[in-house]
Amino acid sequence: MTDPGRVGPQDPRGGGSMKTTSAKSLAVAAVFGALAGWLVVVVANALDLVAPYVPWTAPAALVVIAALVGALAWSTHQRIQVRKERIAPERAVAFLVLGKASALAGAVIAGGYLVFALMFVDRFDAAAPRERVIRALVSVVAAVGLCVAGLLLERACRVPDGDDDDRDDGVEQTAR
C-alpha cells in the first residue's frame, strides 16, 4: 500500500518516492517572492528610478502556462486515476517535477507581485501606480492559478490505491 502523502515511482530495488509539495514549502516560496517584490521597489526608490511597469503580457503568459499545466494535469488524472493506465517512469517523473516546479514558481511569482502591488496601494489615486496595482493583482491571480495547476498535476501522478498487481508504482515496467 502506498503512503497517501507520496507520489510517483517506488521501486523496491532502491528507487524512491517524492512527497507532494507541502503548504509550508509554498509559504516559504511565497515569502521569498514577496521579499523579491519588495526589494525591486525599494531599490528603485533608493536609486531614484521609476519602479518597473507591469505589462499585460505578464499575467497573460501566466494564464497560458497555467492552462497548459492544468490541461496536462487533467489528462494525467484521466490516464492514471480514471482509466488506470500505466505510464513510462520517465514521463511520470517529468510530470511530477513539472507539477512541483509549477506550484513553487506560482507561489514565488504570486508573492512577488502581491507585495509589489501593496507597495503602490497608498498612491492608488495616480494613474501609473493604479495601473501597477491592477496589473500586479491580475498577475497574482494568474500565478495562483499556475500554483494550483501544478499541485493538481502533482496529485494526478499519485499511485491509485489498490494498484498492487505486480508493481506498486502506477507506471509501466520498461523492458530491460
N, C-alpha and C. Protein backbone atom coordinates (compact mmCIF):
# COMPACT_ATOMS: atom_id res chain seq x y z
N MET A 1 0.84 -1.17 0.00
CA MET A 1 0.00 0.00 0.00
C MET A 1 0.89 1.23 0.00
N THR A 2 0.47 2.28 -0.66
CA THR A 2 1.29 3.47 -0.77
C THR A 2 0.93 4.49 0.29
N ASP A 3 1.90 5.33 0.59
CA ASP A 3 1.69 6.43 1.52
C ASP A 3 0.93 7.53 0.78
N PRO A 4 -0.22 7.99 1.28
CA PRO A 4 -1.00 8.98 0.55
C PRO A 4 -0.29 10.32 0.39
N GLY A 5 0.73 10.57 1.16
CA GLY A 5 1.47 11.82 1.04
C GLY A 5 2.60 11.74 0.04
N ARG A 6 2.74 10.60 -0.60
CA ARG A 6 3.83 10.42 -1.55
C ARG A 6 3.26 10.11 -2.93
N VAL A 7 4.02 10.50 -3.93
CA VAL A 7 3.62 10.25 -5.30
C VAL A 7 4.78 9.64 -6.05
N GLY A 8 4.46 9.02 -7.18
CA GLY A 8 5.49 8.60 -8.11
C GLY A 8 6.05 7.22 -7.87
N PRO A 9 7.10 6.95 -8.63
CA PRO A 9 7.67 5.61 -8.62
C PRO A 9 8.21 5.20 -7.26
N GLN A 10 7.93 3.96 -6.87
CA GLN A 10 8.50 3.36 -5.67
C GLN A 10 9.05 2.02 -6.09
N ASP A 11 10.33 1.97 -6.27
CA ASP A 11 10.99 0.77 -6.76
C ASP A 11 11.60 0.03 -5.59
N PRO A 12 11.23 -1.22 -5.35
CA PRO A 12 11.78 -1.96 -4.21
C PRO A 12 13.29 -2.18 -4.34
N ARG A 13 13.85 -1.94 -5.51
CA ARG A 13 15.28 -2.14 -5.71
C ARG A 13 16.08 -0.87 -5.46
N GLY A 14 15.57 0.07 -4.72
CA GLY A 14 16.35 1.25 -4.36
C GLY A 14 15.78 2.55 -4.87
N GLY A 15 14.70 2.49 -5.63
CA GLY A 15 14.07 3.72 -6.09
C GLY A 15 13.41 4.40 -4.92
N GLY A 16 12.69 5.44 -5.17
CA GLY A 16 12.08 6.14 -4.06
C GLY A 16 10.77 6.76 -4.46
N SER A 17 10.38 7.69 -3.67
CA SER A 17 9.16 8.42 -3.94
C SER A 17 9.41 9.88 -3.64
N MET A 18 8.48 10.68 -4.04
CA MET A 18 8.60 12.11 -3.84
C MET A 18 7.39 12.57 -3.04
N LYS A 19 7.61 13.37 -2.03
CA LYS A 19 6.49 13.90 -1.27
C LYS A 19 5.82 15.01 -2.08
N THR A 20 4.52 15.13 -1.90
CA THR A 20 3.83 16.24 -2.55
C THR A 20 4.26 17.55 -1.91
N THR A 21 4.13 18.61 -2.65
CA THR A 21 4.54 19.91 -2.17
C THR A 21 3.68 20.31 -0.98
N SER A 22 4.32 20.65 0.11
CA SER A 22 3.59 20.99 1.32
C SER A 22 3.20 22.47 1.32
N ALA A 23 2.23 22.78 2.15
CA ALA A 23 1.81 24.17 2.31
C ALA A 23 2.96 25.02 2.86
N LYS A 24 3.78 24.41 3.69
CA LYS A 24 4.94 25.12 4.25
C LYS A 24 5.91 25.51 3.13
N SER A 25 6.16 24.61 2.21
CA SER A 25 7.05 24.90 1.09
C SER A 25 6.50 26.03 0.23
N LEU A 26 5.20 25.98 0.00
CA LEU A 26 4.57 27.05 -0.79
C LEU A 26 4.63 28.39 -0.06
N ALA A 27 4.44 28.36 1.25
CA ALA A 27 4.51 29.60 2.03
C ALA A 27 5.93 30.18 2.01
N VAL A 28 6.93 29.32 2.14
CA VAL A 28 8.32 29.79 2.09
C VAL A 28 8.62 30.38 0.72
N ALA A 29 8.16 29.72 -0.34
CA ALA A 29 8.37 30.23 -1.69
C ALA A 29 7.69 31.59 -1.86
N ALA A 30 6.48 31.72 -1.34
CA ALA A 30 5.77 33.00 -1.44
C ALA A 30 6.48 34.10 -0.67
N VAL A 31 7.05 33.76 0.47
CA VAL A 31 7.80 34.76 1.26
C VAL A 31 9.03 35.23 0.49
N PHE A 32 9.74 34.29 -0.14
CA PHE A 32 10.90 34.69 -0.94
C PHE A 32 10.48 35.56 -2.12
N GLY A 33 9.37 35.22 -2.75
CA GLY A 33 8.85 36.06 -3.82
C GLY A 33 8.46 37.44 -3.32
N ALA A 34 7.84 37.47 -2.15
CA ALA A 34 7.45 38.75 -1.56
C ALA A 34 8.67 39.60 -1.26
N LEU A 35 9.70 38.98 -0.77
CA LEU A 35 10.95 39.69 -0.50
C LEU A 35 11.53 40.28 -1.79
N ALA A 36 11.48 39.51 -2.86
CA ALA A 36 11.99 39.99 -4.15
C ALA A 36 11.14 41.15 -4.66
N GLY A 37 9.81 41.05 -4.55
CA GLY A 37 8.94 42.14 -4.97
C GLY A 37 9.18 43.41 -4.18
N TRP A 38 9.37 43.26 -2.88
CA TRP A 38 9.66 44.41 -2.02
C TRP A 38 11.00 45.02 -2.40
N LEU A 39 11.99 44.16 -2.63
CA LEU A 39 13.34 44.61 -2.95
C LEU A 39 13.37 45.40 -4.25
N VAL A 40 12.61 45.00 -5.24
CA VAL A 40 12.56 45.72 -6.52
C VAL A 40 12.11 47.16 -6.31
N VAL A 41 11.05 47.34 -5.53
CA VAL A 41 10.52 48.70 -5.31
C VAL A 41 11.48 49.51 -4.45
N VAL A 42 12.02 48.91 -3.40
CA VAL A 42 12.92 49.64 -2.52
C VAL A 42 14.19 50.07 -3.25
N VAL A 43 14.77 49.19 -4.03
CA VAL A 43 15.98 49.54 -4.78
C VAL A 43 15.68 50.61 -5.82
N ALA A 44 14.56 50.50 -6.51
CA ALA A 44 14.20 51.53 -7.49
C ALA A 44 14.04 52.89 -6.81
N ASN A 45 13.40 52.92 -5.65
CA ASN A 45 13.24 54.18 -4.93
C ASN A 45 14.58 54.70 -4.42
N ALA A 46 15.43 53.82 -3.93
CA ALA A 46 16.73 54.23 -3.40
C ALA A 46 17.62 54.82 -4.49
N LEU A 47 17.50 54.32 -5.69
CA LEU A 47 18.31 54.81 -6.80
C LEU A 47 17.61 55.89 -7.62
N ASP A 48 16.50 56.39 -7.11
CA ASP A 48 15.69 57.40 -7.79
C ASP A 48 15.28 56.98 -9.20
N LEU A 49 14.95 55.72 -9.33
CA LEU A 49 14.47 55.18 -10.60
C LEU A 49 12.96 54.99 -10.53
N VAL A 50 12.35 54.91 -11.67
CA VAL A 50 10.92 54.63 -11.73
C VAL A 50 10.73 53.13 -11.54
N ALA A 51 9.80 52.77 -10.70
CA ALA A 51 9.52 51.36 -10.47
C ALA A 51 9.08 50.70 -11.77
N PRO A 52 9.39 49.44 -11.94
CA PRO A 52 9.04 48.75 -13.19
C PRO A 52 7.54 48.78 -13.47
N TYR A 53 7.24 48.80 -14.73
CA TYR A 53 5.88 48.76 -15.22
C TYR A 53 5.51 47.30 -15.45
N VAL A 54 4.32 46.90 -15.07
CA VAL A 54 3.89 45.52 -15.26
C VAL A 54 3.09 45.44 -16.56
N PRO A 55 3.66 44.81 -17.59
CA PRO A 55 2.93 44.71 -18.86
C PRO A 55 1.82 43.66 -18.77
N TRP A 56 0.82 43.78 -19.63
CA TRP A 56 -0.27 42.82 -19.65
C TRP A 56 0.21 41.45 -20.11
N THR A 57 1.37 41.40 -20.75
CA THR A 57 1.88 40.10 -21.19
C THR A 57 2.27 39.22 -20.00
N ALA A 58 2.59 39.81 -18.87
CA ALA A 58 2.98 39.01 -17.69
C ALA A 58 1.82 38.13 -17.22
N PRO A 59 0.66 38.70 -16.89
CA PRO A 59 -0.43 37.80 -16.48
C PRO A 59 -0.94 36.93 -17.62
N ALA A 60 -0.86 37.43 -18.86
CA ALA A 60 -1.31 36.61 -20.00
C ALA A 60 -0.44 35.37 -20.14
N ALA A 61 0.86 35.53 -20.01
CA ALA A 61 1.76 34.38 -20.10
C ALA A 61 1.50 33.40 -18.96
N LEU A 62 1.27 33.93 -17.77
CA LEU A 62 0.99 33.06 -16.63
C LEU A 62 -0.30 32.27 -16.83
N VAL A 63 -1.31 32.92 -17.40
CA VAL A 63 -2.58 32.23 -17.67
C VAL A 63 -2.37 31.12 -18.69
N VAL A 64 -1.61 31.39 -19.74
CA VAL A 64 -1.37 30.38 -20.77
C VAL A 64 -0.62 29.18 -20.17
N ILE A 65 0.42 29.46 -19.40
CA ILE A 65 1.19 28.38 -18.78
C ILE A 65 0.33 27.60 -17.79
N ALA A 66 -0.46 28.31 -16.99
CA ALA A 66 -1.35 27.63 -16.04
C ALA A 66 -2.36 26.75 -16.77
N ALA A 67 -2.87 27.23 -17.90
CA ALA A 67 -3.83 26.44 -18.67
C ALA A 67 -3.17 25.19 -19.24
N LEU A 68 -1.95 25.31 -19.72
CA LEU A 68 -1.24 24.14 -20.25
C LEU A 68 -0.95 23.12 -19.15
N VAL A 69 -0.48 23.59 -18.00
CA VAL A 69 -0.20 22.68 -16.89
C VAL A 69 -1.50 22.06 -16.39
N GLY A 70 -2.56 22.86 -16.34
CA GLY A 70 -3.87 22.34 -15.92
C GLY A 70 -4.40 21.29 -16.88
N ALA A 71 -4.23 21.51 -18.18
CA ALA A 71 -4.67 20.52 -19.17
C ALA A 71 -3.86 19.23 -19.03
N LEU A 72 -2.57 19.36 -18.77
CA LEU A 72 -1.73 18.19 -18.56
C LEU A 72 -2.15 17.46 -17.29
N ALA A 73 -2.51 18.21 -16.26
CA ALA A 73 -2.98 17.59 -15.01
C ALA A 73 -4.26 16.81 -15.25
N TRP A 74 -5.18 17.39 -16.00
CA TRP A 74 -6.44 16.70 -16.28
C TRP A 74 -6.19 15.43 -17.10
N SER A 75 -5.37 15.56 -18.12
CA SER A 75 -5.05 14.41 -18.97
C SER A 75 -4.36 13.30 -18.16
N THR A 76 -3.43 13.68 -17.32
CA THR A 76 -2.72 12.71 -16.49
C THR A 76 -3.66 12.05 -15.50
N HIS A 77 -4.54 12.83 -14.90
CA HIS A 77 -5.53 12.29 -13.97
C HIS A 77 -6.41 11.26 -14.67
N GLN A 78 -6.84 11.59 -15.87
CA GLN A 78 -7.69 10.67 -16.63
C GLN A 78 -6.95 9.36 -16.90
N ARG A 79 -5.68 9.46 -17.28
CA ARG A 79 -4.92 8.25 -17.62
C ARG A 79 -4.63 7.40 -16.38
N ILE A 80 -4.13 8.02 -15.32
CA ILE A 80 -3.67 7.25 -14.17
C ILE A 80 -4.80 6.90 -13.21
N GLN A 81 -5.62 7.87 -12.88
CA GLN A 81 -6.63 7.66 -11.85
C GLN A 81 -7.93 7.07 -12.39
N VAL A 82 -8.37 7.53 -13.54
CA VAL A 82 -9.68 7.10 -14.05
C VAL A 82 -9.56 5.81 -14.87
N ARG A 83 -8.70 5.84 -15.89
CA ARG A 83 -8.57 4.66 -16.77
C ARG A 83 -7.55 3.65 -16.26
N LYS A 84 -6.85 3.98 -15.18
CA LYS A 84 -5.87 3.08 -14.54
C LYS A 84 -4.78 2.63 -15.52
N GLU A 85 -4.41 3.49 -16.45
CA GLU A 85 -3.34 3.17 -17.37
C GLU A 85 -2.00 3.40 -16.69
N ARG A 86 -1.01 2.69 -17.17
CA ARG A 86 0.35 2.87 -16.66
C ARG A 86 1.09 3.76 -17.64
N ILE A 87 1.96 4.59 -17.10
CA ILE A 87 2.77 5.45 -17.97
C ILE A 87 4.25 5.17 -17.70
N ALA A 88 5.07 5.55 -18.63
CA ALA A 88 6.51 5.30 -18.53
C ALA A 88 7.06 6.03 -17.30
N PRO A 89 8.00 5.39 -16.61
CA PRO A 89 8.57 6.02 -15.40
C PRO A 89 9.19 7.40 -15.67
N GLU A 90 9.86 7.54 -16.81
CA GLU A 90 10.47 8.82 -17.14
C GLU A 90 9.42 9.92 -17.27
N ARG A 91 8.31 9.57 -17.88
CA ARG A 91 7.23 10.53 -18.07
C ARG A 91 6.59 10.88 -16.72
N ALA A 92 6.40 9.89 -15.87
CA ALA A 92 5.81 10.14 -14.56
C ALA A 92 6.70 11.08 -13.74
N VAL A 93 8.00 10.84 -13.77
CA VAL A 93 8.93 11.70 -13.04
C VAL A 93 8.93 13.10 -13.63
N ALA A 94 8.91 13.20 -14.96
CA ALA A 94 8.87 14.52 -15.60
C ALA A 94 7.61 15.29 -15.20
N PHE A 95 6.48 14.60 -15.16
CA PHE A 95 5.23 15.26 -14.76
C PHE A 95 5.28 15.70 -13.31
N LEU A 96 5.85 14.85 -12.45
CA LEU A 96 5.98 15.21 -11.04
C LEU A 96 6.85 16.46 -10.87
N VAL A 97 7.96 16.47 -11.56
CA VAL A 97 8.88 17.61 -11.46
C VAL A 97 8.22 18.87 -12.02
N LEU A 98 7.53 18.75 -13.13
CA LEU A 98 6.83 19.89 -13.71
C LEU A 98 5.75 20.41 -12.75
N GLY A 99 5.01 19.49 -12.13
CA GLY A 99 3.98 19.90 -11.18
C GLY A 99 4.56 20.63 -9.99
N LYS A 100 5.62 20.08 -9.42
CA LYS A 100 6.25 20.71 -8.26
C LYS A 100 6.86 22.06 -8.63
N ALA A 101 7.53 22.12 -9.77
CA ALA A 101 8.13 23.38 -10.22
C ALA A 101 7.06 24.44 -10.49
N SER A 102 5.96 24.03 -11.09
CA SER A 102 4.87 24.98 -11.37
C SER A 102 4.25 25.50 -10.09
N ALA A 103 4.05 24.62 -9.13
CA ALA A 103 3.46 25.03 -7.85
C ALA A 103 4.38 26.02 -7.14
N LEU A 104 5.66 25.69 -7.06
CA LEU A 104 6.60 26.59 -6.37
C LEU A 104 6.80 27.90 -7.13
N ALA A 105 6.90 27.82 -8.45
CA ALA A 105 7.06 29.05 -9.24
C ALA A 105 5.82 29.93 -9.11
N GLY A 106 4.65 29.34 -9.15
CA GLY A 106 3.43 30.12 -8.96
C GLY A 106 3.40 30.82 -7.62
N ALA A 107 3.86 30.13 -6.57
CA ALA A 107 3.88 30.74 -5.23
C ALA A 107 4.89 31.89 -5.18
N VAL A 108 6.06 31.70 -5.76
CA VAL A 108 7.08 32.76 -5.76
C VAL A 108 6.56 33.98 -6.52
N ILE A 109 6.00 33.75 -7.69
CA ILE A 109 5.52 34.86 -8.52
C ILE A 109 4.35 35.56 -7.85
N ALA A 110 3.42 34.81 -7.27
CA ALA A 110 2.28 35.42 -6.59
C ALA A 110 2.74 36.28 -5.42
N GLY A 111 3.68 35.77 -4.62
CA GLY A 111 4.20 36.56 -3.50
C GLY A 111 4.88 37.83 -3.96
N GLY A 112 5.66 37.73 -5.02
CA GLY A 112 6.37 38.89 -5.54
C GLY A 112 5.43 39.96 -6.06
N TYR A 113 4.47 39.56 -6.87
CA TYR A 113 3.53 40.53 -7.42
C TYR A 113 2.60 41.10 -6.35
N LEU A 114 2.25 40.29 -5.36
CA LEU A 114 1.37 40.80 -4.30
C LEU A 114 2.04 41.93 -3.52
N VAL A 115 3.27 41.71 -3.10
CA VAL A 115 3.98 42.76 -2.36
C VAL A 115 4.25 43.96 -3.26
N PHE A 116 4.59 43.71 -4.52
CA PHE A 116 4.79 44.80 -5.46
C PHE A 116 3.54 45.66 -5.54
N ALA A 117 2.37 45.02 -5.65
CA ALA A 117 1.11 45.77 -5.71
C ALA A 117 0.85 46.53 -4.42
N LEU A 118 1.11 45.89 -3.29
CA LEU A 118 0.86 46.55 -2.00
C LEU A 118 1.74 47.78 -1.78
N MET A 119 2.90 47.80 -2.41
CA MET A 119 3.80 48.95 -2.27
C MET A 119 3.23 50.20 -2.94
N PHE A 120 2.25 50.05 -3.82
CA PHE A 120 1.69 51.19 -4.55
C PHE A 120 0.24 51.49 -4.18
N VAL A 121 -0.33 50.73 -3.26
CA VAL A 121 -1.73 50.93 -2.89
C VAL A 121 -1.96 52.33 -2.31
N ASP A 122 -1.01 52.84 -1.55
CA ASP A 122 -1.20 54.15 -0.93
C ASP A 122 -1.19 55.29 -1.95
N ARG A 123 -0.73 55.04 -3.17
CA ARG A 123 -0.73 56.05 -4.24
C ARG A 123 -1.71 55.67 -5.34
N PHE A 124 -2.78 55.01 -4.98
CA PHE A 124 -3.75 54.48 -5.93
C PHE A 124 -4.45 55.57 -6.73
N ASP A 125 -4.46 56.81 -6.23
CA ASP A 125 -5.13 57.92 -6.92
C ASP A 125 -4.43 58.29 -8.22
N ALA A 126 -3.13 58.11 -8.29
CA ALA A 126 -2.39 58.44 -9.50
C ALA A 126 -2.53 57.31 -10.52
N ALA A 127 -2.44 57.66 -11.79
CA ALA A 127 -2.69 56.69 -12.86
C ALA A 127 -1.63 55.59 -12.91
N ALA A 128 -0.36 55.95 -12.88
CA ALA A 128 0.70 54.94 -13.02
C ALA A 128 0.70 53.93 -11.86
N PRO A 129 0.64 54.40 -10.60
CA PRO A 129 0.59 53.42 -9.51
C PRO A 129 -0.67 52.56 -9.56
N ARG A 130 -1.79 53.15 -9.97
CA ARG A 130 -3.04 52.37 -10.07
C ARG A 130 -2.89 51.26 -11.11
N GLU A 131 -2.27 51.58 -12.24
CA GLU A 131 -2.02 50.57 -13.27
C GLU A 131 -1.11 49.46 -12.74
N ARG A 132 -0.08 49.85 -11.98
CA ARG A 132 0.82 48.84 -11.41
C ARG A 132 0.06 47.92 -10.46
N VAL A 133 -0.79 48.50 -9.63
CA VAL A 133 -1.55 47.70 -8.66
C VAL A 133 -2.49 46.74 -9.38
N ILE A 134 -3.23 47.25 -10.34
CA ILE A 134 -4.22 46.43 -11.04
C ILE A 134 -3.54 45.29 -11.79
N ARG A 135 -2.51 45.62 -12.54
CA ARG A 135 -1.83 44.60 -13.34
C ARG A 135 -1.10 43.59 -12.46
N ALA A 136 -0.52 44.07 -11.38
CA ALA A 136 0.17 43.15 -10.46
C ALA A 136 -0.84 42.21 -9.79
N LEU A 137 -2.01 42.72 -9.41
CA LEU A 137 -3.01 41.86 -8.78
C LEU A 137 -3.58 40.84 -9.77
N VAL A 138 -3.73 41.23 -11.03
CA VAL A 138 -4.15 40.26 -12.04
C VAL A 138 -3.07 39.19 -12.19
N SER A 139 -1.81 39.60 -12.12
CA SER A 139 -0.71 38.64 -12.19
C SER A 139 -0.71 37.71 -10.98
N VAL A 140 -1.09 38.23 -9.82
CA VAL A 140 -1.18 37.39 -8.62
C VAL A 140 -2.22 36.29 -8.84
N VAL A 141 -3.36 36.66 -9.37
CA VAL A 141 -4.42 35.67 -9.61
C VAL A 141 -3.94 34.62 -10.62
N ALA A 142 -3.27 35.06 -11.67
CA ALA A 142 -2.76 34.12 -12.67
C ALA A 142 -1.69 33.21 -12.07
N ALA A 143 -0.83 33.76 -11.22
CA ALA A 143 0.22 32.96 -10.58
C ALA A 143 -0.37 31.94 -9.61
N VAL A 144 -1.42 32.33 -8.90
CA VAL A 144 -2.10 31.36 -8.02
C VAL A 144 -2.71 30.24 -8.87
N GLY A 145 -3.23 30.60 -10.04
CA GLY A 145 -3.75 29.58 -10.96
C GLY A 145 -2.66 28.61 -11.39
N LEU A 146 -1.46 29.13 -11.64
CA LEU A 146 -0.33 28.27 -12.00
C LEU A 146 0.04 27.36 -10.84
N CYS A 147 0.03 27.91 -9.64
CA CYS A 147 0.33 27.12 -8.44
C CYS A 147 -0.68 25.99 -8.27
N VAL A 148 -1.93 26.29 -8.42
CA VAL A 148 -2.99 25.28 -8.27
C VAL A 148 -2.87 24.22 -9.37
N ALA A 149 -2.61 24.65 -10.59
CA ALA A 149 -2.45 23.70 -11.69
C ALA A 149 -1.26 22.77 -11.42
N GLY A 150 -0.18 23.31 -10.89
CA GLY A 150 0.98 22.49 -10.56
C GLY A 150 0.65 21.47 -9.48
N LEU A 151 -0.09 21.91 -8.46
CA LEU A 151 -0.48 20.98 -7.40
C LEU A 151 -1.40 19.88 -7.93
N LEU A 152 -2.30 20.25 -8.85
CA LEU A 152 -3.19 19.26 -9.44
C LEU A 152 -2.41 18.24 -10.27
N LEU A 153 -1.40 18.72 -11.01
CA LEU A 153 -0.58 17.79 -11.79
C LEU A 153 0.18 16.84 -10.88
N GLU A 154 0.71 17.39 -9.81
CA GLU A 154 1.43 16.57 -8.84
C GLU A 154 0.52 15.47 -8.28
N ARG A 155 -0.68 15.85 -7.92
CA ARG A 155 -1.61 14.89 -7.32
C ARG A 155 -2.18 13.92 -8.35
N ALA A 156 -2.21 14.32 -9.61
CA ALA A 156 -2.68 13.42 -10.65
C ALA A 156 -1.72 12.25 -10.85
N CYS A 157 -0.47 12.45 -10.45
CA CYS A 157 0.54 11.40 -10.61
C CYS A 157 0.56 10.41 -9.45
N ARG A 158 -0.30 10.61 -8.48
CA ARG A 158 -0.36 9.67 -7.36
C ARG A 158 -0.71 8.28 -7.83
N VAL A 159 -0.13 7.33 -7.16
CA VAL A 159 -0.44 5.94 -7.46
C VAL A 159 -1.82 5.64 -6.90
N PRO A 160 -2.72 5.10 -7.74
CA PRO A 160 -4.06 4.78 -7.23
C PRO A 160 -4.01 3.70 -6.16
N ASP A 161 -4.85 3.82 -5.17
CA ASP A 161 -4.96 2.78 -4.14
C ASP A 161 -5.48 1.50 -4.78
N GLY A 162 -4.98 0.38 -4.29
CA GLY A 162 -5.44 -0.90 -4.80
C GLY A 162 -4.74 -1.34 -6.06
N ASP A 163 -3.71 -0.61 -6.48
CA ASP A 163 -2.96 -0.97 -7.68
C ASP A 163 -1.76 -1.81 -7.27
N ASP A 164 -2.02 -2.98 -6.71
CA ASP A 164 -0.97 -3.84 -6.18
C ASP A 164 -0.74 -5.07 -7.07
N ASP A 165 -0.89 -4.90 -8.36
CA ASP A 165 -0.71 -6.04 -9.25
C ASP A 165 0.69 -6.62 -9.10
N ASP A 166 1.56 -6.28 -10.00
CA ASP A 166 2.93 -6.78 -9.90
C ASP A 166 3.88 -5.69 -9.44
N ARG A 167 3.48 -4.45 -9.60
CA ARG A 167 4.29 -3.33 -9.11
C ARG A 167 3.34 -2.36 -8.44
N ASP A 168 3.89 -1.54 -7.58
CA ASP A 168 3.06 -0.63 -6.79
C ASP A 168 3.39 0.81 -7.09
N ASP A 169 3.70 1.14 -8.37
CA ASP A 169 4.13 2.49 -8.64
C ASP A 169 3.29 3.24 -9.66
N GLY A 170 2.33 2.62 -10.29
CA GLY A 170 1.46 3.32 -11.23
C GLY A 170 2.11 3.62 -12.56
N VAL A 171 3.29 3.11 -12.82
CA VAL A 171 3.95 3.34 -14.10
C VAL A 171 4.28 2.01 -14.74
N GLU A 172 4.40 2.02 -16.06
CA GLU A 172 4.65 0.74 -16.73
C GLU A 172 6.08 0.28 -16.53
N GLN A 173 6.24 -0.99 -16.52
CA GLN A 173 7.56 -1.58 -16.36
C GLN A 173 8.23 -1.55 -17.74
N THR A 174 9.43 -1.03 -17.79
CA THR A 174 10.13 -0.97 -19.06
C THR A 174 10.92 -2.24 -19.27
N ALA A 175 11.07 -2.62 -20.51
CA ALA A 175 11.84 -3.83 -20.84
C ALA A 175 13.30 -3.57 -20.59
N ARG A 176 14.01 -4.56 -20.11
CA ARG A 176 15.43 -4.39 -19.81
C ARG A 176 16.26 -5.06 -20.88
